[in-house]
N, C-alpha and C. Protein backbone atom coordinates (compact mmCIF):
# COMPACT_ATOMS: atom_id res chain seq x y z
N UNK A 1 -53.07 12.59 -37.24
CA UNK A 1 -53.72 12.56 -38.99
C UNK A 1 -52.73 12.66 -39.30
N UNK A 2 -51.80 11.61 -40.18
CA UNK A 2 -50.53 11.93 -40.54
C UNK A 2 -51.36 12.11 -42.04
N UNK A 3 -50.52 13.09 -42.91
CA UNK A 3 -50.84 13.86 -43.92
C UNK A 3 -49.93 13.19 -44.94
N UNK A 4 -50.41 12.55 -46.15
CA UNK A 4 -49.78 12.19 -47.37
C UNK A 4 -48.83 12.65 -48.31
N UNK A 5 -48.17 12.79 -49.48
CA UNK A 5 -47.97 13.76 -49.93
C UNK A 5 -48.99 13.11 -51.51
N UNK A 6 -49.49 14.23 -52.19
CA UNK A 6 -49.87 13.95 -53.01
C UNK A 6 -49.35 13.14 -54.37
N UNK A 7 -50.40 12.38 -55.07
CA UNK A 7 -49.95 11.23 -55.88
C UNK A 7 -49.48 11.62 -56.82
N UNK A 8 -48.03 11.34 -57.55
CA UNK A 8 -48.22 11.81 -58.79
C UNK A 8 -48.46 11.06 -59.80
N UNK A 9 -49.15 11.68 -60.68
CA UNK A 9 -49.61 11.49 -62.19
C UNK A 9 -48.57 12.01 -63.13
N UNK A 10 -49.06 10.87 -64.17
CA UNK A 10 -48.33 11.42 -65.53
C UNK A 10 -49.13 12.24 -66.36
N UNK A 11 -47.94 12.87 -66.87
CA UNK A 11 -48.43 14.53 -67.83
C UNK A 11 -49.57 14.05 -68.93
N UNK A 12 -50.20 14.57 -69.15
CA UNK A 12 -51.11 14.32 -70.52
C UNK A 12 -50.51 14.54 -71.46
N UNK A 13 -51.03 13.46 -72.87
CA UNK A 13 -50.51 13.19 -73.78
C UNK A 13 -48.99 12.62 -74.13
N UNK A 14 -48.30 12.68 -72.91
CA UNK A 14 -46.63 11.85 -72.55
C UNK A 14 -47.00 10.28 -72.73
N UNK A 15 -46.35 9.93 -73.24
CA UNK A 15 -46.04 8.20 -73.88
C UNK A 15 -45.40 7.56 -72.80
N UNK A 16 -45.77 6.63 -72.03
CA UNK A 16 -45.08 5.92 -71.23
C UNK A 16 -43.85 5.43 -71.67
N UNK A 17 -42.73 5.68 -71.07
CA UNK A 17 -41.24 5.09 -71.33
C UNK A 17 -40.59 6.16 -72.11
N UNK A 18 -41.03 7.07 -73.15
CA UNK A 18 -39.96 7.94 -73.21
C UNK A 18 -39.63 8.94 -72.68
N UNK A 19 -38.49 9.45 -72.55
CA UNK A 19 -37.42 10.26 -71.59
C UNK A 19 -36.93 11.12 -72.86
N UNK A 20 -37.17 12.46 -72.36
CA UNK A 20 -36.75 13.87 -72.50
C UNK A 20 -37.49 14.13 -74.20
N UNK A 21 -36.98 14.86 -74.82
CA UNK A 21 -37.71 15.37 -76.12
C UNK A 21 -37.05 14.73 -77.65
N UNK A 22 -38.00 15.29 -78.13
CA UNK A 22 -37.77 14.43 -79.66
C UNK A 22 -36.18 14.88 -80.40
N UNK A 23 -35.48 15.99 -79.49
CA UNK A 23 -34.32 16.01 -79.95
C UNK A 23 -33.20 14.85 -79.51
N UNK A 24 -33.39 14.45 -78.43
CA UNK A 24 -32.40 13.57 -78.11
C UNK A 24 -32.69 12.44 -78.69
N UNK A 25 -33.65 12.20 -79.21
CA UNK A 25 -33.66 11.04 -80.84
C UNK A 25 -32.55 10.99 -81.53
N UNK A 26 -32.12 11.99 -81.74
CA UNK A 26 -31.11 11.79 -83.15
C UNK A 26 -29.65 11.47 -82.51
N UNK A 27 -28.82 10.74 -83.54
CA UNK A 27 -27.92 10.48 -83.32
C UNK A 27 -26.83 11.85 -82.37
N UNK A 28 -26.17 11.06 -81.60
CA UNK A 28 -24.93 12.06 -81.26
C UNK A 28 -23.76 11.89 -81.30
N UNK A 29 -23.25 12.91 -81.75
CA UNK A 29 -21.86 12.85 -82.44
C UNK A 29 -20.76 12.85 -81.52
N UNK A 30 -20.20 12.05 -81.80
CA UNK A 30 -18.60 11.61 -80.38
C UNK A 30 -18.05 12.82 -80.15
N UNK A 31 -17.34 13.06 -79.34
CA UNK A 31 -16.98 14.37 -78.57
C UNK A 31 -15.13 14.05 -78.85
N UNK A 32 -14.54 12.93 -79.49
CA UNK A 32 -13.58 12.39 -79.78
C UNK A 32 -13.25 13.29 -81.18
N UNK A 33 -11.87 13.55 -81.63
CA UNK A 33 -11.35 13.74 -82.75
C UNK A 33 -11.35 12.36 -83.83
N UNK A 34 -11.39 12.60 -84.78
CA UNK A 34 -11.28 11.62 -86.16
C UNK A 34 -9.56 11.11 -85.51
N UNK A 35 -8.43 11.97 -85.85
CA UNK A 35 -6.97 12.03 -85.57
C UNK A 35 -7.27 11.10 -83.85
N UNK A 36 -7.74 10.73 -82.93
CA UNK A 36 -7.55 9.94 -81.62
C UNK A 36 -8.52 9.01 -82.07
N UNK A 37 -9.46 9.09 -82.83
CA UNK A 37 -9.91 7.38 -83.06
C UNK A 37 -9.07 6.27 -84.00
N UNK A 38 -9.10 7.40 -85.06
CA UNK A 38 -7.87 6.28 -85.98
C UNK A 38 -6.60 6.10 -85.57
N UNK A 39 -5.94 6.29 -83.80
CA UNK A 39 -4.47 5.94 -83.45
C UNK A 39 -4.70 5.30 -82.38
N UNK A 40 -6.31 5.26 -81.44
CA UNK A 40 -6.25 4.59 -80.42
C UNK A 40 -7.37 3.25 -80.65
N UNK A 41 -7.90 2.69 -79.50
CA UNK A 41 -8.72 1.70 -79.24
C UNK A 41 -9.50 2.14 -78.38
N UNK A 42 -10.23 2.77 -78.83
CA UNK A 42 -11.10 3.74 -77.29
C UNK A 42 -12.06 2.86 -76.94
N UNK A 43 -12.41 3.04 -75.90
CA UNK A 43 -12.77 1.97 -74.75
C UNK A 43 -12.39 0.55 -74.47
N UNK A 44 -11.08 0.57 -74.92
CA UNK A 44 -10.46 -0.60 -74.42
C UNK A 44 -9.63 -1.12 -72.91
N UNK A 45 -9.62 0.13 -72.62
CA UNK A 45 -8.67 0.45 -71.19
C UNK A 45 -10.01 -0.02 -70.24
N UNK A 46 -9.78 -0.80 -69.46
CA UNK A 46 -10.46 -1.48 -68.32
C UNK A 46 -9.72 -1.31 -66.72
N UNK A 47 -8.87 -0.34 -66.77
CA UNK A 47 -8.48 0.43 -65.39
C UNK A 47 -8.89 1.72 -65.14
N UNK A 48 -9.55 1.91 -64.14
CA UNK A 48 -9.31 3.52 -63.90
C UNK A 48 -8.35 4.33 -63.98
N UNK A 49 -7.18 4.42 -63.87
CA UNK A 49 -6.73 5.39 -63.59
C UNK A 49 -5.38 4.85 -65.41
N UNK A 50 -5.59 4.06 -66.45
CA UNK A 50 -5.37 3.72 -67.15
C UNK A 50 -5.75 4.37 -68.79
N UNK A 51 -4.93 4.25 -69.68
CA UNK A 51 -5.19 5.04 -70.90
C UNK A 51 -5.79 4.23 -71.93
N UNK A 52 -6.48 4.50 -72.72
CA UNK A 52 -6.56 3.19 -74.19
C UNK A 52 -5.39 3.46 -75.01
N UNK A 53 -4.93 1.93 -75.40
CA UNK A 53 -3.99 1.72 -76.16
C UNK A 53 -4.06 2.04 -77.34
N UNK A 54 -2.30 2.92 -77.50
CA UNK A 54 -2.28 2.62 -78.86
C UNK A 54 -2.44 1.80 -80.17
N UNK A 55 -3.22 2.20 -81.64
CA UNK A 55 -2.74 1.47 -82.39
C UNK A 55 -1.63 1.18 -82.83
N UNK A 56 -0.74 0.05 -82.94
CA UNK A 56 0.77 -0.03 -83.63
C UNK A 56 0.47 -0.70 -84.79
N UNK A 57 1.86 -0.82 -85.67
CA UNK A 57 1.97 -1.47 -87.07
C UNK A 57 1.13 -2.25 -87.30
N UNK A 58 1.26 -3.07 -88.09
CA UNK A 58 1.07 -4.86 -88.48
C UNK A 58 2.10 -5.50 -87.97
N UNK A 59 3.51 -4.95 -88.23
CA UNK A 59 4.39 -5.86 -87.81
C UNK A 59 4.78 -5.73 -86.47
N UNK A 60 4.14 -4.88 -85.57
CA UNK A 60 4.28 -5.36 -84.28
C UNK A 60 3.58 -6.02 -83.40
N UNK A 61 2.54 -6.59 -83.93
CA UNK A 61 1.73 -8.22 -83.47
C UNK A 61 2.60 -9.01 -84.15
N UNK A 62 2.04 -10.24 -83.07
CA UNK A 62 2.49 -11.55 -83.41
C UNK A 62 1.96 -11.77 -84.63
N UNK A 63 2.47 -13.08 -85.05
CA UNK A 63 1.81 -13.45 -86.42
C UNK A 63 0.53 -14.58 -85.67
N UNK A 64 0.58 -15.42 -85.23
CA UNK A 64 -1.08 -15.37 -84.61
C UNK A 64 -2.08 -15.51 -84.56
N UNK A 65 -1.87 -13.85 -84.43
CA UNK A 65 -3.12 -12.81 -83.96
C UNK A 65 -3.90 -13.10 -85.33
N UNK A 66 -3.21 -12.68 -86.42
CA UNK A 66 -3.80 -13.08 -87.83
C UNK A 66 -4.40 -14.33 -88.31
N UNK A 67 -4.23 -15.21 -87.97
CA UNK A 67 -4.68 -16.31 -87.86
C UNK A 67 -6.22 -16.65 -87.26
N UNK A 68 -6.24 -15.87 -86.42
CA UNK A 68 -7.71 -16.07 -85.05
C UNK A 68 -8.82 -16.01 -86.07
N UNK A 69 -9.03 -15.19 -86.78
CA UNK A 69 -10.24 -15.26 -88.32
C UNK A 69 -10.30 -16.15 -88.80
N UNK A 70 -9.32 -17.04 -88.98
CA UNK A 70 -9.49 -18.10 -90.08
C UNK A 70 -10.56 -19.20 -89.89
N UNK A 71 -11.40 -19.37 -91.01
CA UNK A 71 -12.49 -19.89 -90.88
C UNK A 71 -11.72 -21.53 -90.53
N UNK A 72 -12.70 -22.51 -89.59
CA UNK A 72 -12.37 -23.56 -89.41
C UNK A 72 -13.13 -24.72 -90.18
N UNK A 73 -12.88 -25.80 -90.94
CA UNK A 73 -14.26 -26.61 -91.46
C UNK A 73 -15.20 -27.14 -90.40
N UNK A 74 -16.27 -27.15 -91.03
CA UNK A 74 -17.21 -27.77 -89.97
C UNK A 74 -16.94 -29.56 -89.87
N UNK A 75 -17.47 -30.03 -88.49
CA UNK A 75 -17.46 -31.46 -88.59
C UNK A 75 -18.07 -32.24 -89.20
N UNK A 76 -18.94 -31.74 -89.88
CA UNK A 76 -19.28 -32.62 -91.41
C UNK A 76 -18.49 -32.94 -92.42
N UNK A 77 -17.47 -32.02 -92.41
CA UNK A 77 -16.78 -31.23 -93.67
C UNK A 77 -15.40 -32.75 -93.23
N UNK A 78 -15.10 -32.12 -92.06
CA UNK A 78 -14.08 -33.37 -91.53
C UNK A 78 -14.07 -34.98 -90.98
N UNK A 79 -15.71 -34.77 -91.08
CA UNK A 79 -16.00 -36.87 -90.73
C UNK A 79 -15.65 -36.98 -92.64
N UNK A 80 -16.25 -36.52 -93.24
CA UNK A 80 -16.09 -36.63 -95.00
C UNK A 80 -14.38 -37.01 -95.13
N UNK A 81 -13.58 -36.22 -94.39
CA UNK A 81 -11.87 -36.60 -95.13
C UNK A 81 -11.25 -37.25 -93.98
N UNK A 82 -10.20 -38.25 -94.41
CA UNK A 82 -9.61 -39.20 -93.71
C UNK A 82 -8.46 -38.70 -92.82
N UNK A 83 -9.09 -38.69 -91.01
CA UNK A 83 -8.34 -38.54 -90.19
C UNK A 83 -6.20 -38.65 -90.54
N UNK A 84 -6.54 -39.25 -90.90
CA UNK A 84 -5.15 -39.49 -91.16
C UNK A 84 -4.57 -38.88 -91.72
N UNK A 85 -4.89 -37.92 -92.62
CA UNK A 85 -4.12 -37.32 -93.23
C UNK A 85 -4.76 -35.97 -92.69
N UNK A 86 -5.06 -35.45 -91.95
CA UNK A 86 -5.49 -34.45 -91.57
C UNK A 86 -4.49 -33.19 -90.80
N UNK A 87 -4.05 -32.09 -91.05
CA UNK A 87 -2.90 -31.47 -90.74
C UNK A 87 -3.41 -31.37 -88.99
N UNK A 88 -2.82 -31.29 -88.15
CA UNK A 88 -3.12 -31.31 -86.62
C UNK A 88 -3.96 -30.43 -86.08
N UNK A 89 -3.78 -29.35 -86.76
CA UNK A 89 -4.76 -28.12 -86.25
C UNK A 89 -6.72 -28.54 -86.38
N UNK A 90 -6.54 -29.17 -87.66
CA UNK A 90 -7.74 -29.79 -88.28
C UNK A 90 -8.22 -31.03 -87.74
N UNK A 91 -7.11 -31.57 -87.24
CA UNK A 91 -7.88 -32.91 -86.11
C UNK A 91 -8.21 -32.57 -84.99
N UNK A 92 -7.39 -31.61 -84.04
CA UNK A 92 -7.53 -31.04 -83.27
C UNK A 92 -9.01 -30.46 -83.39
N UNK A 93 -9.02 -29.84 -83.93
CA UNK A 93 -11.01 -29.33 -84.12
C UNK A 93 -11.77 -30.09 -84.51
N UNK A 94 -11.31 -31.89 -85.47
CA UNK A 94 -12.11 -32.56 -85.45
C UNK A 94 -12.38 -32.92 -84.13
N UNK A 95 -11.27 -33.33 -83.22
CA UNK A 95 -11.69 -34.10 -81.91
C UNK A 95 -12.60 -33.04 -80.91
N UNK A 96 -12.13 -31.69 -81.06
CA UNK A 96 -13.43 -30.84 -79.91
C UNK A 96 -14.58 -31.29 -80.31
N UNK A 97 -15.21 -30.74 -81.30
CA UNK A 97 -16.57 -31.39 -82.13
C UNK A 97 -16.67 -32.60 -82.11
N UNK A 98 -16.30 -33.19 -82.44
CA UNK A 98 -16.68 -34.81 -82.44
C UNK A 98 -17.60 -34.91 -81.18
N UNK A 99 -16.21 -34.75 -79.79
CA UNK A 99 -16.47 -34.96 -78.57
C UNK A 99 -17.95 -34.32 -78.32
N UNK A 100 -17.99 -33.04 -78.46
CA UNK A 100 -19.32 -32.02 -78.01
C UNK A 100 -20.04 -32.62 -79.01
N UNK A 101 -19.77 -33.31 -80.02
CA UNK A 101 -21.74 -33.84 -80.78
C UNK A 101 -21.75 -35.14 -79.90
N UNK A 102 -21.00 -35.65 -79.26
CA UNK A 102 -21.40 -36.84 -78.77
C UNK A 102 -21.77 -36.97 -77.54
N UNK A 103 -21.24 -35.93 -76.86
CA UNK A 103 -21.90 -35.60 -75.46
C UNK A 103 -23.32 -34.62 -75.74
N UNK A 104 -23.70 -34.16 -76.95
CA UNK A 104 -25.20 -33.81 -76.70
C UNK A 104 -25.62 -34.87 -77.12
N UNK A 105 -25.41 -35.96 -77.97
CA UNK A 105 -26.33 -36.65 -78.10
C UNK A 105 -26.65 -37.72 -76.82
N UNK A 106 -25.61 -37.85 -76.40
CA UNK A 106 -25.73 -38.55 -74.72
C UNK A 106 -26.71 -37.66 -74.17
N UNK A 107 -26.81 -36.74 -73.87
CA UNK A 107 -27.78 -36.12 -72.83
C UNK A 107 -29.06 -35.70 -73.18
N UNK A 108 -28.79 -36.40 -74.75
CA UNK A 108 -30.06 -35.84 -75.12
C UNK A 108 -31.38 -37.04 -75.27
N UNK A 109 -30.03 -38.41 -75.15
CA UNK A 109 -31.04 -39.38 -74.91
C UNK A 109 -30.67 -40.00 -73.61
N UNK A 110 -30.10 -39.21 -72.97
CA UNK A 110 -30.34 -38.95 -71.47
C UNK A 110 -32.21 -38.28 -70.99
N UNK A 111 -32.06 -37.39 -71.47
CA UNK A 111 -33.54 -36.61 -71.28
C UNK A 111 -34.44 -37.30 -71.46
N UNK A 112 -34.87 -38.31 -72.85
CA UNK A 112 -35.55 -38.93 -73.38
C UNK A 112 -35.78 -39.68 -72.09
N UNK A 113 -35.35 -40.38 -71.49
CA UNK A 113 -35.21 -41.61 -70.47
C UNK A 113 -36.03 -41.35 -69.14
């Protein structure tokens, strides 16, 4: 005869899926000091043996970095403008968006058939 261990049953009054006590629901305070948070990019290190990079002054970063957050005009706005007078960056963006739009339209027509 094989003896099986007793089946585990949930505790009375315990909520399904809850872990820990109510005290663990409170937000946890960071163990990093404010000085470390303001001088390093916490969590940016992807190597096991590496360290988080330090935040440098703005003058140490390349100029193109600050233009990454600039907004590009929408496709509808670019279509209203004359493509011959658009700056190169806007023209490049227009071609990209227009191609994407035509591909989506072509794919939706193929899917209907």
